[in-house]
Amino acid sequence: MRESKRKRLESKGWRFGTAAEFLHLSPEEAAYVELKAKLANNLRARRERKRLTQQGLARLVKSSQSRVAKMEAGDPSVTLDLLIRALLALGASNREIAKTISLSHGASAS
């Protein structure tokens, strides 16, 4: 967001912060949410690079298209286990998954 817009909104009473602050997450909860988001973003990018539809990925992991959509959206009902199994089904190595997990916020591994 441009600084000028931010200042204008703040002058009207808007407050800015992180999702963790807004949701009153503990550091551990915030780290968990960030971890799931990294894996979900990597899953979507990897699926798209392989030119697979969500339906195609669902067949690979023996799931449904709607479940894949939830995986890619970082839905709270999706487990880390399912995200990792889907990445492995798309050909991700343990090293690539570890790299995704270790990257700083906002970056994504290929």
PDB file of N, CA and C in Angstrom:
ATOM      1  N   MET A   1       0.845  -1.171   0.000  1.00  0.00           N
ATOM      2  CA  MET A   1       0.000   0.000   0.000  1.00  0.00           C
ATOM      3  C   MET A   1       0.890   1.233   0.000  1.00  0.00           C
ATOM      4  N   ARG A   2       0.484   2.195  -0.780  1.00  0.00           N
ATOM      5  CA  ARG A   2       1.248   3.445  -0.803  1.00  0.00           C
ATOM      6  C   ARG A   2       1.157   4.142   0.549  1.00  0.00           C
ATOM      7  N   GLU A   3       2.266   4.783   0.916  1.00  0.00           N
ATOM      8  CA  GLU A   3       2.350   5.462   2.217  1.00  0.00           C
ATOM      9  C   GLU A   3       1.278   6.551   2.337  1.00  0.00           C
ATOM     10  N   SER A   4       1.029   7.272   1.238  1.00  0.00           N
ATOM     11  CA  SER A   4       0.031   8.347   1.284  1.00  0.00           C
ATOM     12  C   SER A   4      -1.359   7.794   1.586  1.00  0.00           C
ATOM     13  N   LYS A   5      -1.695   6.672   0.990  1.00  0.00           N
ATOM     14  CA  LYS A   5      -2.999   6.063   1.243  1.00  0.00           C
ATOM     15  C   LYS A   5      -3.084   5.572   2.678  1.00  0.00           C
ATOM     16  N   ARG A   6      -2.011   4.981   3.147  1.00  0.00           N
ATOM     17  CA  ARG A   6      -1.989   4.479   4.520  1.00  0.00           C
ATOM     18  C   ARG A   6      -2.203   5.626   5.515  1.00  0.00           C
ATOM     19  N   LYS A   7      -1.496   6.742   5.307  1.00  0.00           N
ATOM     20  CA  LYS A   7      -1.639   7.889   6.205  1.00  0.00           C
ATOM     21  C   LYS A   7      -3.055   8.441   6.164  1.00  0.00           C
ATOM     22  N   ARG A   8      -3.631   8.489   4.971  1.00  0.00           N
ATOM     23  CA  ARG A   8      -5.000   8.997   4.828  1.00  0.00           C
ATOM     24  C   ARG A   8      -5.973   8.104   5.601  1.00  0.00           C
ATOM     25  N   LEU A   9      -5.822   6.791   5.483  1.00  0.00           N
ATOM     26  CA  LEU A   9      -6.705   5.872   6.198  1.00  0.00           C
ATOM     27  C   LEU A   9      -6.493   5.946   7.702  1.00  0.00           C
ATOM     28  N   GLU A  10      -5.232   6.058   8.127  1.00  0.00           N
ATOM     29  CA  GLU A  10      -4.948   6.180   9.563  1.00  0.00           C
ATOM     30  C   GLU A  10      -5.564   7.447  10.133  1.00  0.00           C
ATOM     31  N   SER A  11      -5.563   8.517   9.356  1.00  0.00           N
ATOM     32  CA  SER A  11      -6.160   9.770   9.835  1.00  0.00           C
ATOM     33  C   SER A  11      -7.667   9.651  10.014  1.00  0.00           C
ATOM     34  N   LYS A  12      -8.270   8.663   9.351  1.00  0.00           N
ATOM     35  CA  LYS A  12      -9.712   8.433   9.473  1.00  0.00           C
ATOM     36  C   LYS A  12     -10.032   7.359  10.506  1.00  0.00           C
ATOM     37  N   GLY A  13      -9.001   6.907  11.242  1.00  0.00           N
ATOM     38  CA  GLY A  13      -9.226   5.967  12.326  1.00  0.00           C
ATOM     39  C   GLY A  13      -8.885   4.520  12.026  1.00  0.00           C
ATOM     40  N   TRP A  14      -8.443   4.231  10.810  1.00  0.00           N
ATOM     41  CA  TRP A  14      -8.050   2.869  10.478  1.00  0.00           C
ATOM     42  C   TRP A  14      -6.751   2.521  11.199  1.00  0.00           C
ATOM     43  N   ARG A  15      -6.619   1.252  11.602  1.00  0.00           N
ATOM     44  CA  ARG A  15      -5.395   0.775  12.224  1.00  0.00           C
ATOM     45  C   ARG A  15      -4.819  -0.340  11.367  1.00  0.00           C
ATOM     46  N   PHE A  16      -3.505  -0.435  11.349  1.00  0.00           N
ATOM     47  CA  PHE A  16      -2.823  -1.455  10.568  1.00  0.00           C
ATOM     48  C   PHE A  16      -1.977  -2.311  11.483  1.00  0.00           C
ATOM     49  N   GLY A  17      -1.921  -3.585  11.157  1.00  0.00           N
ATOM     50  CA  GLY A  17      -1.112  -4.515  11.916  1.00  0.00           C
ATOM     51  C   GLY A  17      -1.047  -5.837  11.183  1.00  0.00           C
ATOM     52  N   THR A  18      -0.533  -6.813  11.862  1.00  0.00           N
ATOM     53  CA  THR A  18      -0.421  -8.132  11.254  1.00  0.00           C
ATOM     54  C   THR A  18      -1.671  -8.953  11.550  1.00  0.00           C
ATOM     55  N   ALA A  19      -1.836 -10.024  10.803  1.00  0.00           N
ATOM     56  CA  ALA A  19      -2.949 -10.940  11.059  1.00  0.00           C
ATOM     57  C   ALA A  19      -2.821 -11.529  12.462  1.00  0.00           C
ATOM     58  N   ALA A  20      -1.596 -11.817  12.870  1.00  0.00           N
ATOM     59  CA  ALA A  20      -1.368 -12.384  14.201  1.00  0.00           C
ATOM     60  C   ALA A  20      -1.840 -11.417  15.290  1.00  0.00           C
ATOM     61  N   GLU A  21      -1.574 -10.141  15.093  1.00  0.00           N
ATOM     62  CA  GLU A  21      -2.026  -9.147  16.076  1.00  0.00           C
ATOM     63  C   GLU A  21      -3.549  -9.064  16.089  1.00  0.00           C
ATOM     64  N   PHE A  22      -4.143  -9.039  14.909  1.00  0.00           N
ATOM     65  CA  PHE A  22      -5.596  -8.922  14.788  1.00  0.00           C
ATOM     66  C   PHE A  22      -6.293 -10.122  15.429  1.00  0.00           C
ATOM     67  N   LEU A  23      -5.742 -11.303  15.208  1.00  0.00           N
ATOM     68  CA  LEU A  23      -6.361 -12.528  15.712  1.00  0.00           C
ATOM     69  C   LEU A  23      -5.870 -12.923  17.094  1.00  0.00           C
ATOM     70  N   HIS A  24      -4.959 -12.128  17.663  1.00  0.00           N
ATOM     71  CA  HIS A  24      -4.397 -12.401  18.995  1.00  0.00           C
ATOM     72  C   HIS A  24      -3.769 -13.793  19.039  1.00  0.00           C
ATOM     73  N   LEU A  25      -2.949 -14.088  18.028  1.00  0.00           N
ATOM     74  CA  LEU A  25      -2.278 -15.382  17.963  1.00  0.00           C
ATOM     75  C   LEU A  25      -0.997 -15.355  18.781  1.00  0.00           C
ATOM     76  N   SER A  26      -0.722 -16.475  19.399  1.00  0.00           N
ATOM     77  CA  SER A  26       0.555 -16.619  20.086  1.00  0.00           C
ATOM     78  C   SER A  26       1.635 -16.739  19.015  1.00  0.00           C
ATOM     79  N   PRO A  27       2.903 -16.557  19.379  1.00  0.00           N
ATOM     80  CA  PRO A  27       3.971 -16.736  18.390  1.00  0.00           C
ATOM     81  C   PRO A  27       3.950 -18.128  17.749  1.00  0.00           C
ATOM     82  N   GLU A  28       3.606 -19.136  18.546  1.00  0.00           N
ATOM     83  CA  GLU A  28       3.555 -20.497  18.019  1.00  0.00           C
ATOM     84  C   GLU A  28       2.416 -20.658  17.021  1.00  0.00           C
ATOM     85  N   GLU A  29       1.253 -20.091  17.353  1.00  0.00           N
ATOM     86  CA  GLU A  29       0.111 -20.171  16.433  1.00  0.00           C
ATOM     87  C   GLU A  29       0.404 -19.410  15.137  1.00  0.00           C
ATOM     88  N   ALA A  30       1.023 -18.255  15.248  1.00  0.00           N
ATOM     89  CA  ALA A  30       1.367 -17.469  14.060  1.00  0.00           C
ATOM     90  C   ALA A  30       2.361 -18.225  13.183  1.00  0.00           C
ATOM     91  N   ALA A  31       3.341 -18.883  13.800  1.00  0.00           N
ATOM     92  CA  ALA A  31       4.322 -19.664  13.045  1.00  0.00           C
ATOM     93  C   ALA A  31       3.647 -20.828  12.330  1.00  0.00           C
ATOM     94  N   TYR A  32       2.691 -21.469  12.972  1.00  0.00           N
ATOM     95  CA  TYR A  32       1.966 -22.586  12.374  1.00  0.00           C
ATOM     96  C   TYR A  32       1.154 -22.116  11.170  1.00  0.00           C
ATOM     97  N   VAL A  33       0.456 -21.002  11.319  1.00  0.00           N
ATOM     98  CA  VAL A  33      -0.341 -20.454  10.217  1.00  0.00           C
ATOM     99  C   VAL A  33       0.568 -20.086   9.045  1.00  0.00           C
ATOM    100  N   GLU A  34       1.707 -19.479   9.333  1.00  0.00           N
ATOM    101  CA  GLU A  34       2.654 -19.116   8.279  1.00  0.00           C
ATOM    102  C   GLU A  34       3.202 -20.355   7.577  1.00  0.00           C
ATOM    103  N   LEU A  35       3.499 -21.393   8.343  1.00  0.00           N
ATOM    104  CA  LEU A  35       3.996 -22.638   7.773  1.00  0.00           C
ATOM    105  C   LEU A  35       2.979 -23.241   6.805  1.00  0.00           C
ATOM    106  N   LYS A  36       1.716 -23.303   7.226  1.00  0.00           N
ATOM    107  CA  LYS A  36       0.679 -23.848   6.354  1.00  0.00           C
ATOM    108  C   LYS A  36       0.513 -22.990   5.104  1.00  0.00           C
ATOM    109  N   ALA A  37       0.605 -21.677   5.249  1.00  0.00           N
ATOM    110  CA  ALA A  37       0.466 -20.784   4.095  1.00  0.00           C
ATOM    111  C   ALA A  37       1.607 -21.008   3.102  1.00  0.00           C
ATOM    112  N   LYS A  38       2.821 -21.186   3.598  1.00  0.00           N
ATOM    113  CA  LYS A  38       3.967 -21.439   2.716  1.00  0.00           C
ATOM    114  C   LYS A  38       3.767 -22.728   1.926  1.00  0.00           C
ATOM    115  N   LEU A  39       3.345 -23.777   2.614  1.00  0.00           N
ATOM    116  CA  LEU A  39       3.136 -25.050   1.949  1.00  0.00           C
ATOM    117  C   LEU A  39       1.987 -24.970   0.947  1.00  0.00           C
ATOM    118  N   ALA A  40       0.914 -24.284   1.317  1.00  0.00           N
ATOM    119  CA  ALA A  40      -0.233 -24.144   0.417  1.00  0.00           C
ATOM    120  C   ALA A  40       0.144 -23.357  -0.839  1.00  0.00           C
ATOM    121  N   ASN A  41       0.892 -22.278  -0.662  1.00  0.00           N
ATOM    122  CA  ASN A  41       1.326 -21.480  -1.821  1.00  0.00           C
ATOM    123  C   ASN A  41       2.243 -22.287  -2.727  1.00  0.00           C
ATOM    124  N   ASN A  42       3.131 -23.063  -2.125  1.00  0.00           N
ATOM    125  CA  ASN A  42       4.038 -23.885  -2.908  1.00  0.00           C
ATOM    126  C   ASN A  42       3.273 -24.971  -3.657  1.00  0.00           C
ATOM    127  N   LEU A  43       2.265 -25.541  -3.020  1.00  0.00           N
ATOM    128  CA  LEU A  43       1.455 -26.568  -3.656  1.00  0.00           C
ATOM    129  C   LEU A  43       0.771 -26.014  -4.913  1.00  0.00           C
ATOM    130  N   ARG A  44       0.148 -24.855  -4.779  1.00  0.00           N
ATOM    131  CA  ARG A  44      -0.533 -24.262  -5.920  1.00  0.00           C
ATOM    132  C   ARG A  44       0.460 -23.962  -7.053  1.00  0.00           C
ATOM    133  N   ALA A  45       1.580 -23.360  -6.720  1.00  0.00           N
ATOM    134  CA  ALA A  45       2.571 -23.005  -7.742  1.00  0.00           C
ATOM    135  C   ALA A  45       3.093 -24.252  -8.448  1.00  0.00           C
ATOM    136  N   ARG A  46       3.368 -25.288  -7.682  1.00  0.00           N
ATOM    137  CA  ARG A  46       3.894 -26.531  -8.257  1.00  0.00           C
ATOM    138  C   ARG A  46       2.838 -27.189  -9.154  1.00  0.00           C
ATOM    139  N   ARG A  47       1.596 -27.188  -8.697  1.00  0.00           N
ATOM    140  CA  ARG A  47       0.514 -27.774  -9.502  1.00  0.00           C
ATOM    141  C   ARG A  47       0.356 -27.014 -10.818  1.00  0.00           C
ATOM    142  N   GLU A  48       0.375 -25.697 -10.747  1.00  0.00           N
ATOM    143  CA  GLU A  48       0.214 -24.887 -11.954  1.00  0.00           C
ATOM    144  C   GLU A  48       1.385 -25.080 -12.913  1.00  0.00           C
ATOM    145  N   ARG A  49       2.610 -25.175 -12.379  1.00  0.00           N
ATOM    146  CA  ARG A  49       3.778 -25.410 -13.242  1.00  0.00           C
ATOM    147  C   ARG A  49       3.668 -26.742 -13.968  1.00  0.00           C
ATOM    148  N   LYS A  50       3.057 -27.719 -13.309  1.00  0.00           N
ATOM    149  CA  LYS A  50       2.889 -29.034 -13.932  1.00  0.00           C
ATOM    150  C   LYS A  50       1.657 -29.063 -14.840  1.00  0.00           C
ATOM    151  N   ARG A  51       0.979 -27.933 -14.960  1.00  0.00           N
ATOM    152  CA  ARG A  51      -0.220 -27.794 -15.783  1.00  0.00           C
ATOM    153  C   ARG A  51      -1.304 -28.811 -15.407  1.00  0.00           C
ATOM    154  N   LEU A  52      -1.423 -29.019 -14.107  1.00  0.00           N
ATOM    155  CA  LEU A  52      -2.453 -29.910 -13.586  1.00  0.00           C
ATOM    156  C   LEU A  52      -3.619 -29.071 -13.067  1.00  0.00           C
ATOM    157  N   THR A  53      -4.817 -29.562 -13.263  1.00  0.00           N
ATOM    158  CA  THR A  53      -5.983 -28.927 -12.661  1.00  0.00           C
ATOM    159  C   THR A  53      -6.082 -29.386 -11.206  1.00  0.00           C
ATOM    160  N   GLN A  54      -6.929 -28.735 -10.454  1.00  0.00           N
ATOM    161  CA  GLN A  54      -7.169 -29.195  -9.089  1.00  0.00           C
ATOM    162  C   GLN A  54      -7.751 -30.606  -9.123  1.00  0.00           C
ATOM    163  N   GLN A  55      -8.580 -30.889 -10.112  1.00  0.00           N
ATOM    164  CA  GLN A  55      -9.153 -32.231 -10.260  1.00  0.00           C
ATOM    165  C   GLN A  55      -8.055 -33.261 -10.510  1.00  0.00           C
ATOM    166  N   GLY A  56      -7.089 -32.902 -11.349  1.00  0.00           N
ATOM    167  CA  GLY A  56      -5.979 -33.808 -11.631  1.00  0.00           C
ATOM    168  C   GLY A  56      -5.164 -34.099 -10.393  1.00  0.00           C
ATOM    169  N   LEU A  57      -4.891 -33.070  -9.600  1.00  0.00           N
ATOM    170  CA  LEU A  57      -4.155 -33.286  -8.355  1.00  0.00           C
ATOM    171  C   LEU A  57      -4.991 -34.126  -7.395  1.00  0.00           C
ATOM    172  N   ALA A  58      -6.279 -33.878  -7.361  1.00  0.00           N
ATOM    173  CA  ALA A  58      -7.163 -34.657  -6.481  1.00  0.00           C
ATOM    174  C   ALA A  58      -7.073 -36.140  -6.809  1.00  0.00           C
ATOM    175  N   ARG A  59      -7.020 -36.485  -8.093  1.00  0.00           N
ATOM    176  CA  ARG A  59      -6.881 -37.894  -8.487  1.00  0.00           C
ATOM    177  C   ARG A  59      -5.550 -38.467  -7.980  1.00  0.00           C
ATOM    178  N   LEU A  60      -4.477 -37.664  -8.090  1.00  0.00           N
ATOM    179  CA  LEU A  60      -3.163 -38.131  -7.633  1.00  0.00           C
ATOM    180  C   LEU A  60      -3.142 -38.460  -6.144  1.00  0.00           C
ATOM    181  N   VAL A  61      -3.814 -37.636  -5.355  1.00  0.00           N
ATOM    182  CA  VAL A  61      -3.778 -37.821  -3.897  1.00  0.00           C
ATOM    183  C   VAL A  61      -5.021 -38.530  -3.361  1.00  0.00           C
ATOM    184  N   LYS A  62      -5.834 -39.036  -4.301  1.00  0.00           N
ATOM    185  CA  LYS A  62      -7.057 -39.767  -3.933  1.00  0.00           C
ATOM    186  C   LYS A  62      -7.947 -38.922  -3.021  1.00  0.00           C
ATOM    187  N   SER A  63      -8.255 -37.736  -3.509  1.00  0.00           N
ATOM    188  CA  SER A  63      -9.083 -36.800  -2.765  1.00  0.00           C
ATOM    189  C   SER A  63     -10.083 -36.175  -3.731  1.00  0.00           C
ATOM    190  N   SER A  64     -10.664 -35.062  -3.341  1.00  0.00           N
ATOM    191  CA  SER A  64     -11.632 -34.373  -4.193  1.00  0.00           C
ATOM    192  C   SER A  64     -11.087 -33.004  -4.609  1.00  0.00           C
ATOM    193  N   GLN A  65     -11.648 -32.476  -5.677  1.00  0.00           N
ATOM    194  CA  GLN A  65     -11.233 -31.151  -6.149  1.00  0.00           C
ATOM    195  C   GLN A  65     -11.481 -30.108  -5.065  1.00  0.00           C
ATOM    196  N   SER A  66     -12.607 -30.213  -4.363  1.00  0.00           N
ATOM    197  CA  SER A  66     -12.899 -29.217  -3.326  1.00  0.00           C
ATOM    198  C   SER A  66     -11.871 -29.283  -2.194  1.00  0.00           C
ATOM    199  N   ARG A  67     -11.369 -30.477  -1.911  1.00  0.00           N
ATOM    200  CA  ARG A  67     -10.343 -30.620  -0.869  1.00  0.00           C
ATOM    201  C   ARG A  67      -9.038 -29.977  -1.322  1.00  0.00           C
ATOM    202  N   VAL A  68      -8.698 -30.162  -2.609  1.00  0.00           N
ATOM    203  CA  VAL A  68      -7.494 -29.528  -3.152  1.00  0.00           C
ATOM    204  C   VAL A  68      -7.630 -28.013  -3.074  1.00  0.00           C
ATOM    205  N   ALA A  69      -8.818 -27.492  -3.395  1.00  0.00           N
ATOM    206  CA  ALA A  69      -9.044 -26.042  -3.296  1.00  0.00           C
ATOM    207  C   ALA A  69      -8.814 -25.573  -1.857  1.00  0.00           C
ATOM    208  N   LYS A  70      -9.291 -26.336  -0.899  1.00  0.00           N
ATOM    209  CA  LYS A  70      -9.075 -25.987   0.512  1.00  0.00           C
ATOM    210  C   LYS A  70      -7.592 -26.059   0.871  1.00  0.00           C
ATOM    211  N   MET A  71      -6.896 -27.058   0.323  1.00  0.00           N
ATOM    212  CA  MET A  71      -5.464 -27.186   0.585  1.00  0.00           C
ATOM    213  C   MET A  71      -4.740 -25.943   0.098  1.00  0.00           C
ATOM    214  N   GLU A  72      -5.051 -25.520  -1.118  1.00  0.00           N
ATOM    215  CA  GLU A  72      -4.367 -24.370  -1.707  1.00  0.00           C
ATOM    216  C   GLU A  72      -4.751 -23.059  -1.030  1.00  0.00           C
ATOM    217  N   ALA A  73      -5.904 -23.024  -0.409  1.00  0.00           N
ATOM    218  CA  ALA A  73      -6.352 -21.820   0.295  1.00  0.00           C
ATOM    219  C   ALA A  73      -5.862 -21.779   1.738  1.00  0.00           C
ATOM    220  N   GLY A  74      -5.210 -22.854   2.183  1.00  0.00           N
ATOM    221  CA  GLY A  74      -4.726 -22.886   3.562  1.00  0.00           C
ATOM    222  C   GLY A  74      -5.841 -23.044   4.573  1.00  0.00           C
ATOM    223  N   ASP A  75      -6.914 -23.696   4.186  1.00  0.00           N
ATOM    224  CA  ASP A  75      -8.057 -23.904   5.066  1.00  0.00           C
ATOM    225  C   ASP A  75      -7.616 -24.586   6.364  1.00  0.00           C
ATOM    226  N   PRO A  76      -8.150 -24.141   7.494  1.00  0.00           N
ATOM    227  CA  PRO A  76      -7.737 -24.718   8.781  1.00  0.00           C
ATOM    228  C   PRO A  76      -8.033 -26.210   8.907  1.00  0.00           C
ATOM    229  N   SER A  77      -8.990 -26.717   8.139  1.00  0.00           N
ATOM    230  CA  SER A  77      -9.333 -28.139   8.239  1.00  0.00           C
ATOM    231  C   SER A  77      -8.312 -29.037   7.545  1.00  0.00           C
ATOM    232  N   VAL A  78      -7.407 -28.447   6.769  1.00  0.00           N
ATOM    233  CA  VAL A  78      -6.399 -29.219   6.042  1.00  0.00           C
ATOM    234  C   VAL A  78      -5.193 -29.443   6.954  1.00  0.00           C
ATOM    235  N   THR A  79      -4.741 -30.682   7.016  1.00  0.00           N
ATOM    236  CA  THR A  79      -3.600 -30.997   7.875  1.00  0.00           C
ATOM    237  C   THR A  79      -2.282 -30.772   7.139  1.00  0.00           C
ATOM    238  N   LEU A  80      -1.226 -30.588   7.917  1.00  0.00           N
ATOM    239  CA  LEU A  80       0.115 -30.500   7.335  1.00  0.00           C
ATOM    240  C   LEU A  80       0.450 -31.791   6.603  1.00  0.00           C
ATOM    241  N   ASP A  81      -0.008 -32.907   7.137  1.00  0.00           N
ATOM    242  CA  ASP A  81       0.226 -34.208   6.519  1.00  0.00           C
ATOM    243  C   ASP A  81      -0.308 -34.222   5.086  1.00  0.00           C
ATOM    244  N   LEU A  82      -1.511 -33.767   4.875  1.00  0.00           N
ATOM    245  CA  LEU A  82      -2.110 -33.777   3.540  1.00  0.00           C
ATOM    246  C   LEU A  82      -1.363 -32.831   2.601  1.00  0.00           C
ATOM    247  N   LEU A  83      -0.988 -31.659   3.086  1.00  0.00           N
ATOM    248  CA  LEU A  83      -0.226 -30.727   2.254  1.00  0.00           C
ATOM    249  C   LEU A  83       1.097 -31.342   1.809  1.00  0.00           C
ATOM    250  N   ILE A  84       1.781 -31.978   2.722  1.00  0.00           N
ATOM    251  CA  ILE A  84       3.084 -32.577   2.398  1.00  0.00           C
ATOM    252  C   ILE A  84       2.906 -33.773   1.467  1.00  0.00           C
ATOM    253  N   ARG A  85       1.895 -34.610   1.715  1.00  0.00           N
ATOM    254  CA  ARG A  85       1.657 -35.739   0.820  1.00  0.00           C
ATOM    255  C   ARG A  85       1.340 -35.269  -0.590  1.00  0.00           C
ATOM    256  N   ALA A  86       0.587 -34.187  -0.728  1.00  0.00           N
ATOM    257  CA  ALA A  86       0.264 -33.650  -2.051  1.00  0.00           C
ATOM    258  C   ALA A  86       1.513 -33.111  -2.735  1.00  0.00           C
ATOM    259  N   LEU A  87       2.378 -32.424  -1.987  1.00  0.00           N
ATOM    260  CA  LEU A  87       3.624 -31.931  -2.567  1.00  0.00           C
ATOM    261  C   LEU A  87       4.494 -33.088  -3.036  1.00  0.00           C
ATOM    262  N   LEU A  88       4.568 -34.139  -2.245  1.00  0.00           N
ATOM    263  CA  LEU A  88       5.344 -35.316  -2.635  1.00  0.00           C
ATOM    264  C   LEU A  88       4.747 -35.964  -3.888  1.00  0.00           C
ATOM    265  N   ALA A  89       3.418 -36.007  -3.974  1.00  0.00           N
ATOM    266  CA  ALA A  89       2.753 -36.574  -5.152  1.00  0.00           C
ATOM    267  C   ALA A  89       3.068 -35.769  -6.407  1.00  0.00           C
ATOM    268  N   LEU A  90       3.345 -34.491  -6.238  1.00  0.00           N
ATOM    269  CA  LEU A  90       3.703 -33.628  -7.374  1.00  0.00           C
ATOM    270  C   LEU A  90       5.196 -33.677  -7.674  1.00  0.00           C
ATOM    271  N   GLY A  91       5.926 -34.504  -6.955  1.00  0.00           N
ATOM    272  CA  GLY A  91       7.342 -34.673  -7.248  1.00  0.00           C
ATOM    273  C   GLY A  91       8.292 -33.854  -6.406  1.00  0.00           C
ATOM    274  N   ALA A  92       7.786 -33.176  -5.392  1.00  0.00           N
ATOM    275  CA  ALA A  92       8.665 -32.393  -4.518  1.00  0.00           C
ATOM    276  C   ALA A  92       9.547 -33.345  -3.709  1.00  0.00           C
ATOM    277  N   SER A  93      10.801 -32.978  -3.569  1.00  0.00           N
ATOM    278  CA  SER A  93      11.714 -33.772  -2.742  1.00  0.00           C
ATOM    279  C   SER A  93      11.626 -33.291  -1.291  1.00  0.00           C
ATOM    280  N   ASN A  94      12.145 -34.104  -0.396  1.00  0.00           N
ATOM    281  CA  ASN A  94      12.202 -33.690   1.012  1.00  0.00           C
ATOM    282  C   ASN A  94      12.981 -32.382   1.140  1.00  0.00           C
ATOM    283  N   ARG A  95      14.051 -32.259   0.377  1.00  0.00           N
ATOM    284  CA  ARG A  95      14.876 -31.051   0.421  1.00  0.00           C
ATOM    285  C   ARG A  95      14.081 -29.823  -0.042  1.00  0.00           C
ATOM    286  N   GLU A  96      13.292 -29.986  -1.101  1.00  0.00           N
ATOM    287  CA  GLU A  96      12.486 -28.859  -1.599  1.00  0.00           C
ATOM    288  C   GLU A  96      11.420 -28.457  -0.588  1.00  0.00           C
ATOM    289  N   ILE A  97      10.818 -29.428   0.053  1.00  0.00           N
ATOM    290  CA  ILE A  97       9.817 -29.125   1.082  1.00  0.00           C
ATOM    291  C   ILE A  97      10.477 -28.421   2.260  1.00  0.00           C
ATOM    292  N   ALA A  98      11.638 -28.890   2.666  1.00  0.00           N
ATOM    293  CA  ALA A  98      12.370 -28.243   3.753  1.00  0.00           C
ATOM    294  C   ALA A  98      12.731 -26.809   3.386  1.00  0.00           C
ATOM    295  N   LYS A  99      13.111 -26.589   2.139  1.00  0.00           N
ATOM    296  CA  LYS A  99      13.451 -25.239   1.682  1.00  0.00           C
ATOM    297  C   LYS A  99      12.224 -24.330   1.749  1.00  0.00           C
ATOM    298  N   THR A 100      11.072 -24.840   1.343  1.00  0.00           N
ATOM    299  CA  THR A 100       9.832 -24.066   1.421  1.00  0.00           C
ATOM    300  C   THR A 100       9.547 -23.660   2.857  1.00  0.00           C
ATOM    301  N   ILE A 101       9.700 -24.605   3.758  1.00  0.00           N
ATOM    302  CA  ILE A 101       9.419 -24.347   5.174  1.00  0.00           C
ATOM    303  C   ILE A 101      10.390 -23.324   5.745  1.00  0.00           C
ATOM    304  N   SER A 102      11.642 -23.373   5.299  1.00  0.00           N
ATOM    305  CA  SER A 102      12.663 -22.512   5.905  1.00  0.00           C
ATOM    306  C   SER A 102      12.715 -21.104   5.323  1.00  0.00           C
ATOM    307  N   LEU A 103      12.048 -20.868   4.195  1.00  0.00           N
ATOM    308  CA  LEU A 103      12.097 -19.537   3.590  1.00  0.00           C
ATOM    309  C   LEU A 103      11.405 -18.514   4.463  1.00  0.00           C
ATOM    310  N   SER A 104      11.905 -17.283   4.390  1.00  0.00           N
ATOM    311  CA  SER A 104      11.275 -16.211   5.167  1.00  0.00           C
ATOM    312  C   SER A 104       9.907 -15.903   4.597  1.00  0.00           C
ATOM    313  N   HIS A 105       9.074 -15.273   5.406  1.00  0.00           N
ATOM    314  CA  HIS A 105       7.702 -14.924   5.025  1.00  0.00           C
ATOM    315  C   HIS A 105       7.680 -14.173   3.701  1.00  0.00           C
ATOM    316  N   GLY A 106       6.736 -14.542   2.823  1.00  0.00           N
ATOM    317  CA  GLY A 106       6.551 -13.845   1.562  1.00  0.00           C
ATOM    318  C   GLY A 106       7.272 -14.467   0.399  1.00  0.00           C
ATOM    319  N   ALA A 107       8.252 -15.316   0.647  1.00  0.00           N
ATOM    320  CA  ALA A 107       8.965 -15.974  -0.437  1.00  0.00           C
ATOM    321  C   ALA A 107       8.355 -17.340  -0.659  1.00  0.00           C
ATOM    322  N   SER A 108       8.607 -17.935  -1.823  1.00  0.00           N
ATOM    323  CA  SER A 108       8.142 -19.297  -2.044  1.00  0.00           C
ATOM    324  C   SER A 108       9.166 -20.057  -2.847  1.00  0.00           C
ATOM    325  N   ALA A 109       9.291 -21.310  -2.518  1.00  0.00           N
ATOM    326  CA  ALA A 109      10.253 -22.171  -3.221  1.00  0.00           C
ATOM    327  C   ALA A 109       9.591 -22.794  -4.428  1.00  0.00           C
ATOM    328  N   SER A 110      10.400 -23.211  -5.358  1.00  0.00           N
ATOM    329  CA  SER A 110       9.858 -23.865  -6.547  1.00  0.00           C
ATOM    330  C   SER A 110      10.032 -25.345  -6.489  1.00  0.00           C
TER     331      SER A 110
END
